[in-house]
Every structure is written in C-alpha cells, then in structure tokens.
Amino acid sequence: MAIYLDAISATAFAEEAAKSRDVSVSETITYVEQALAEVNKSDFSAAALHLKLARLSSDRITGNKAVVKQAEACVIQAEIQSKFFGDVQKSVDELNKALVLYKTL
C-alpha cells in the first residue's frame, strides 16, 4: 500500500513539475514579446522591466538547460544593446533569437 501511494505522489509531483515548467516557458515568452514591443517603440526603460521579468521567469524553467542558458544569454545581450547602446535593431535581433529558443522548449 505504501509503495502504491509513493508511486502516486511521485507521478503527481512529476505532472506538477511539467505544468510549472510550461507556465514558466509561456510566461517567459510573454515577457520577451512585451520587451520586443517596447524596444520597437524605443521605450528602453519599459523594455528593461520586461527583460528583467523574463530572466527571473526563465530561472524557473526546468528542462533543456543548454537551450535555456543560450536564450538567457540572448536576453542579456538584448538588454545590453538597448540599455547601453540604444541599438534597437541589434536588441530586436537578440530578442527574436531568444523567442525562437524559448519556443523550442
């Protein structure tokens, strides 16, 4: 009986972790898309807020850590391009790369 209950709780935990990962991925994609919209309007302070939220949300993603790390690097590069250089096009390019990577998760 105890083994059966352990198996049920392990299955429930795995399902909950998968749901949490899916929510984090969707949430992260939403933040990146919002940042992309703000960068396109050259509103870098609003974009910085969305990029920070995207990075925080990305930390909760479980799964392919190499892809997550690469996508986070793109988000950071986009933030650098917009915040320090005001380069809309390079920032947009990096955010588009991040979106493609996050959507593969």
N, C-alpha and C. Protein backbone atom coordinates (compact mmCIF):
# COMPACT_ATOMS: atom_id res chain seq x y z
N MET A 1 0.83 -1.19 0.00
CA MET A 1 0.00 0.00 0.00
C MET A 1 0.88 1.26 0.00
N ALA A 2 1.92 1.29 0.84
CA ALA A 2 2.79 2.46 0.92
C ALA A 2 3.53 2.69 -0.39
N ILE A 3 3.95 1.60 -1.03
CA ILE A 3 4.64 1.73 -2.31
C ILE A 3 3.70 2.32 -3.35
N TYR A 4 2.46 1.89 -3.33
CA TYR A 4 1.46 2.40 -4.26
C TYR A 4 1.26 3.90 -4.07
N LEU A 5 1.16 4.34 -2.82
CA LEU A 5 0.97 5.76 -2.53
C LEU A 5 2.19 6.57 -2.93
N ASP A 6 3.39 6.00 -2.73
CA ASP A 6 4.60 6.68 -3.16
C ASP A 6 4.63 6.86 -4.68
N ALA A 7 4.19 5.85 -5.39
CA ALA A 7 4.16 5.93 -6.85
C ALA A 7 3.17 7.00 -7.31
N ILE A 8 2.02 7.06 -6.64
CA ILE A 8 1.02 8.07 -7.00
C ILE A 8 1.55 9.47 -6.72
N SER A 9 2.18 9.68 -5.56
CA SER A 9 2.68 11.01 -5.23
C SER A 9 3.85 11.40 -6.15
N ALA A 10 4.67 10.44 -6.54
CA ALA A 10 5.78 10.75 -7.46
C ALA A 10 5.23 11.14 -8.83
N THR A 11 4.18 10.45 -9.26
CA THR A 11 3.55 10.79 -10.55
C THR A 11 2.93 12.17 -10.49
N ALA A 12 2.23 12.45 -9.40
CA ALA A 12 1.60 13.77 -9.24
C ALA A 12 2.66 14.87 -9.20
N PHE A 13 3.77 14.61 -8.53
CA PHE A 13 4.85 15.59 -8.46
C PHE A 13 5.43 15.85 -9.85
N ALA A 14 5.63 14.80 -10.63
CA ALA A 14 6.18 14.94 -11.98
C ALA A 14 5.22 15.72 -12.87
N GLU A 15 3.92 15.45 -12.75
CA GLU A 15 2.94 16.19 -13.54
C GLU A 15 2.92 17.66 -13.15
N GLU A 16 3.01 17.94 -11.86
CA GLU A 16 3.02 19.32 -11.38
C GLU A 16 4.27 20.05 -11.87
N ALA A 17 5.41 19.39 -11.86
CA ALA A 17 6.65 20.00 -12.34
C ALA A 17 6.54 20.32 -13.83
N ALA A 18 5.94 19.43 -14.60
CA ALA A 18 5.78 19.67 -16.03
C ALA A 18 4.85 20.86 -16.27
N LYS A 19 3.76 20.95 -15.51
CA LYS A 19 2.84 22.08 -15.65
C LYS A 19 3.55 23.39 -15.28
N SER A 20 4.33 23.35 -14.21
CA SER A 20 5.06 24.54 -13.76
C SER A 20 6.05 24.99 -14.82
N ARG A 21 6.74 24.05 -15.44
CA ARG A 21 7.70 24.38 -16.49
C ARG A 21 6.99 25.03 -17.66
N ASP A 22 5.83 24.46 -18.06
CA ASP A 22 5.07 25.00 -19.18
C ASP A 22 4.62 26.43 -18.89
N VAL A 23 4.17 26.68 -17.65
CA VAL A 23 3.74 28.02 -17.27
C VAL A 23 4.94 28.97 -17.31
N SER A 24 6.08 28.54 -16.81
CA SER A 24 7.27 29.40 -16.82
C SER A 24 7.73 29.71 -18.24
N VAL A 25 7.67 28.73 -19.13
CA VAL A 25 8.06 28.96 -20.52
C VAL A 25 7.09 29.96 -21.15
N SER A 26 5.81 29.75 -20.96
CA SER A 26 4.81 30.67 -21.54
C SER A 26 4.96 32.07 -20.97
N GLU A 27 5.19 32.13 -19.67
CA GLU A 27 5.37 33.42 -19.00
C GLU A 27 6.61 34.14 -19.54
N THR A 28 7.67 33.40 -19.69
CA THR A 28 8.92 33.97 -20.21
C THR A 28 8.74 34.48 -21.63
N ILE A 29 8.08 33.70 -22.46
CA ILE A 29 7.82 34.11 -23.84
C ILE A 29 7.00 35.40 -23.86
N THR A 30 6.01 35.48 -22.98
CA THR A 30 5.18 36.68 -22.90
C THR A 30 6.02 37.90 -22.54
N TYR A 31 6.90 37.76 -21.56
CA TYR A 31 7.76 38.88 -21.17
C TYR A 31 8.70 39.30 -22.30
N VAL A 32 9.25 38.33 -23.00
CA VAL A 32 10.16 38.65 -24.10
C VAL A 32 9.40 39.36 -25.22
N GLU A 33 8.20 38.89 -25.51
CA GLU A 33 7.39 39.55 -26.54
C GLU A 33 7.03 40.98 -26.14
N GLN A 34 6.72 41.19 -24.85
CA GLN A 34 6.42 42.53 -24.37
C GLN A 34 7.67 43.42 -24.46
N ALA A 35 8.81 42.88 -24.12
CA ALA A 35 10.06 43.63 -24.23
C ALA A 35 10.34 44.00 -25.68
N LEU A 36 10.08 43.06 -26.58
CA LEU A 36 10.27 43.29 -28.01
C LEU A 36 9.40 44.45 -28.49
N ALA A 37 8.17 44.47 -28.04
CA ALA A 37 7.26 45.57 -28.42
C ALA A 37 7.77 46.91 -27.90
N GLU A 38 8.28 46.92 -26.67
CA GLU A 38 8.79 48.17 -26.08
C GLU A 38 10.07 48.63 -26.76
N VAL A 39 10.94 47.70 -27.11
CA VAL A 39 12.18 48.06 -27.81
C VAL A 39 11.84 48.66 -29.17
N ASN A 40 10.87 48.06 -29.85
CA ASN A 40 10.46 48.60 -31.16
C ASN A 40 9.92 50.02 -31.06
N LYS A 41 9.37 50.37 -29.90
CA LYS A 41 8.89 51.74 -29.67
C LYS A 41 9.99 52.62 -29.08
N SER A 42 11.18 52.06 -28.92
CA SER A 42 12.33 52.75 -28.31
C SER A 42 12.06 53.18 -26.87
N ASP A 43 11.21 52.44 -26.18
CA ASP A 43 10.95 52.68 -24.76
C ASP A 43 11.81 51.70 -23.96
N PHE A 44 13.08 52.08 -23.78
CA PHE A 44 14.05 51.16 -23.21
C PHE A 44 13.84 50.91 -21.72
N SER A 45 13.27 51.85 -20.99
CA SER A 45 13.05 51.62 -19.56
C SER A 45 11.96 50.58 -19.34
N ALA A 46 10.89 50.65 -20.13
CA ALA A 46 9.83 49.63 -20.03
C ALA A 46 10.36 48.28 -20.50
N ALA A 47 11.17 48.30 -21.54
CA ALA A 47 11.76 47.06 -22.04
C ALA A 47 12.65 46.41 -20.99
N ALA A 48 13.39 47.24 -20.26
CA ALA A 48 14.28 46.72 -19.22
C ALA A 48 13.50 45.98 -18.15
N LEU A 49 12.33 46.49 -17.80
CA LEU A 49 11.49 45.82 -16.80
C LEU A 49 11.03 44.46 -17.31
N HIS A 50 10.57 44.40 -18.55
CA HIS A 50 10.11 43.13 -19.12
C HIS A 50 11.27 42.14 -19.27
N LEU A 51 12.44 42.64 -19.61
CA LEU A 51 13.61 41.76 -19.74
C LEU A 51 14.02 41.19 -18.40
N LYS A 52 13.94 42.01 -17.36
CA LYS A 52 14.26 41.52 -16.01
C LYS A 52 13.27 40.44 -15.60
N LEU A 53 11.99 40.67 -15.86
CA LEU A 53 10.97 39.67 -15.53
C LEU A 53 11.16 38.39 -16.35
N ALA A 54 11.58 38.54 -17.60
CA ALA A 54 11.85 37.37 -18.43
C ALA A 54 12.99 36.54 -17.86
N ARG A 55 14.04 37.21 -17.40
CA ARG A 55 15.18 36.48 -16.81
C ARG A 55 14.76 35.77 -15.54
N LEU A 56 13.96 36.44 -14.70
CA LEU A 56 13.51 35.80 -13.46
C LEU A 56 12.60 34.61 -13.76
N SER A 57 11.72 34.76 -14.71
CA SER A 57 10.83 33.67 -15.10
C SER A 57 11.61 32.52 -15.71
N SER A 58 12.63 32.83 -16.47
CA SER A 58 13.45 31.82 -17.13
C SER A 58 14.19 30.94 -16.11
N ASP A 59 14.50 31.51 -14.96
CA ASP A 59 15.20 30.74 -13.93
C ASP A 59 14.36 29.58 -13.42
N ARG A 60 13.04 29.66 -13.58
CA ARG A 60 12.14 28.60 -13.08
C ARG A 60 11.90 27.51 -14.11
N ILE A 61 12.45 27.68 -15.30
CA ILE A 61 12.25 26.68 -16.35
C ILE A 61 13.15 25.47 -16.09
N THR A 62 12.53 24.31 -16.07
CA THR A 62 13.29 23.07 -15.96
C THR A 62 13.23 22.39 -17.32
N GLY A 63 14.24 21.71 -17.65
CA GLY A 63 14.26 21.07 -18.96
C GLY A 63 15.64 21.19 -19.56
N ASN A 64 15.70 21.49 -20.81
CA ASN A 64 16.96 21.58 -21.54
C ASN A 64 17.73 22.83 -21.09
N LYS A 65 18.60 22.65 -20.13
CA LYS A 65 19.33 23.79 -19.54
C LYS A 65 20.24 24.49 -20.55
N ALA A 66 20.76 23.76 -21.52
CA ALA A 66 21.63 24.39 -22.52
C ALA A 66 20.84 25.40 -23.35
N VAL A 67 19.63 25.04 -23.74
CA VAL A 67 18.79 25.95 -24.53
C VAL A 67 18.37 27.14 -23.67
N VAL A 68 18.00 26.87 -22.43
CA VAL A 68 17.59 27.96 -21.52
C VAL A 68 18.75 28.93 -21.32
N LYS A 69 19.94 28.40 -21.12
CA LYS A 69 21.12 29.24 -20.92
C LYS A 69 21.41 30.09 -22.16
N GLN A 70 21.28 29.50 -23.33
CA GLN A 70 21.52 30.22 -24.58
C GLN A 70 20.47 31.32 -24.77
N ALA A 71 19.21 31.01 -24.46
CA ALA A 71 18.14 32.00 -24.58
C ALA A 71 18.35 33.14 -23.59
N GLU A 72 18.76 32.82 -22.37
CA GLU A 72 19.04 33.85 -21.37
C GLU A 72 20.18 34.76 -21.84
N ALA A 73 21.17 34.18 -22.48
CA ALA A 73 22.29 34.98 -23.00
C ALA A 73 21.80 35.95 -24.07
N CYS A 74 20.86 35.52 -24.89
CA CYS A 74 20.29 36.41 -25.90
C CYS A 74 19.51 37.55 -25.25
N VAL A 75 18.77 37.23 -24.20
CA VAL A 75 18.01 38.26 -23.48
C VAL A 75 18.97 39.27 -22.86
N ILE A 76 20.04 38.80 -22.27
CA ILE A 76 21.02 39.69 -21.66
C ILE A 76 21.68 40.58 -22.73
N GLN A 77 22.03 39.99 -23.87
CA GLN A 77 22.61 40.78 -24.96
C GLN A 77 21.63 41.83 -25.47
N ALA A 78 20.36 41.47 -25.54
CA ALA A 78 19.34 42.43 -25.97
C ALA A 78 19.25 43.58 -24.98
N GLU A 79 19.33 43.25 -23.71
CA GLU A 79 19.28 44.29 -22.69
C GLU A 79 20.49 45.22 -22.79
N ILE A 80 21.65 44.65 -23.01
CA ILE A 80 22.87 45.46 -23.16
C ILE A 80 22.75 46.37 -24.37
N GLN A 81 22.29 45.81 -25.49
CA GLN A 81 22.17 46.60 -26.72
C GLN A 81 21.18 47.75 -26.56
N SER A 82 20.09 47.51 -25.84
CA SER A 82 19.10 48.58 -25.69
C SER A 82 19.48 49.57 -24.60
N LYS A 83 19.96 49.05 -23.49
CA LYS A 83 20.23 49.91 -22.33
C LYS A 83 21.47 50.78 -22.52
N PHE A 84 22.54 50.20 -22.99
CA PHE A 84 23.81 50.92 -23.05
C PHE A 84 24.08 51.57 -24.41
N PHE A 85 23.56 50.96 -25.48
CA PHE A 85 23.87 51.46 -26.81
C PHE A 85 22.66 52.06 -27.52
N GLY A 86 21.47 51.77 -27.04
CA GLY A 86 20.27 52.27 -27.69
C GLY A 86 20.08 51.71 -29.09
N ASP A 87 20.64 50.56 -29.34
CA ASP A 87 20.59 49.94 -30.66
C ASP A 87 19.34 49.06 -30.78
N VAL A 88 18.32 49.60 -31.39
CA VAL A 88 17.05 48.91 -31.50
C VAL A 88 17.19 47.64 -32.33
N GLN A 89 17.83 47.71 -33.47
CA GLN A 89 17.90 46.56 -34.38
C GLN A 89 18.64 45.38 -33.77
N LYS A 90 19.78 45.61 -33.15
CA LYS A 90 20.53 44.51 -32.53
C LYS A 90 19.75 43.92 -31.36
N SER A 91 19.07 44.77 -30.60
CA SER A 91 18.26 44.29 -29.49
C SER A 91 17.10 43.44 -30.00
N VAL A 92 16.45 43.88 -31.05
CA VAL A 92 15.35 43.13 -31.66
C VAL A 92 15.85 41.78 -32.17
N ASP A 93 17.00 41.77 -32.81
CA ASP A 93 17.57 40.52 -33.32
C ASP A 93 17.82 39.53 -32.20
N GLU A 94 18.38 40.00 -31.09
CA GLU A 94 18.66 39.12 -29.95
C GLU A 94 17.36 38.60 -29.32
N LEU A 95 16.37 39.47 -29.22
CA LEU A 95 15.09 39.04 -28.64
C LEU A 95 14.40 38.02 -29.54
N ASN A 96 14.51 38.20 -30.84
CA ASN A 96 13.93 37.21 -31.76
C ASN A 96 14.63 35.86 -31.63
N LYS A 97 15.95 35.88 -31.45
CA LYS A 97 16.69 34.62 -31.22
C LYS A 97 16.21 33.96 -29.93
N ALA A 98 16.03 34.77 -28.88
CA ALA A 98 15.57 34.22 -27.60
C ALA A 98 14.18 33.61 -27.75
N LEU A 99 13.29 34.28 -28.47
CA LEU A 99 11.95 33.75 -28.67
C LEU A 99 11.98 32.40 -29.37
N VAL A 100 12.79 32.29 -30.40
CA VAL A 100 12.90 31.02 -31.13
C VAL A 100 13.37 29.92 -30.18
N LEU A 101 14.37 30.23 -29.37
CA LEU A 101 14.90 29.23 -28.43
C LEU A 101 13.87 28.85 -27.36
N TYR A 102 13.20 29.83 -26.77
CA TYR A 102 12.20 29.53 -25.75
C TYR A 102 11.05 28.72 -26.32
N LYS A 103 10.68 28.98 -27.56
CA LYS A 103 9.56 28.25 -28.16
C LYS A 103 9.91 26.80 -28.48
N THR A 104 11.20 26.47 -28.51
CA THR A 104 11.57 25.07 -28.72
C THR A 104 11.40 24.24 -27.46
N LEU A 105 11.27 24.94 -26.33
CA LEU A 105 11.09 24.21 -25.07
C LEU A 105 9.65 23.80 -24.97
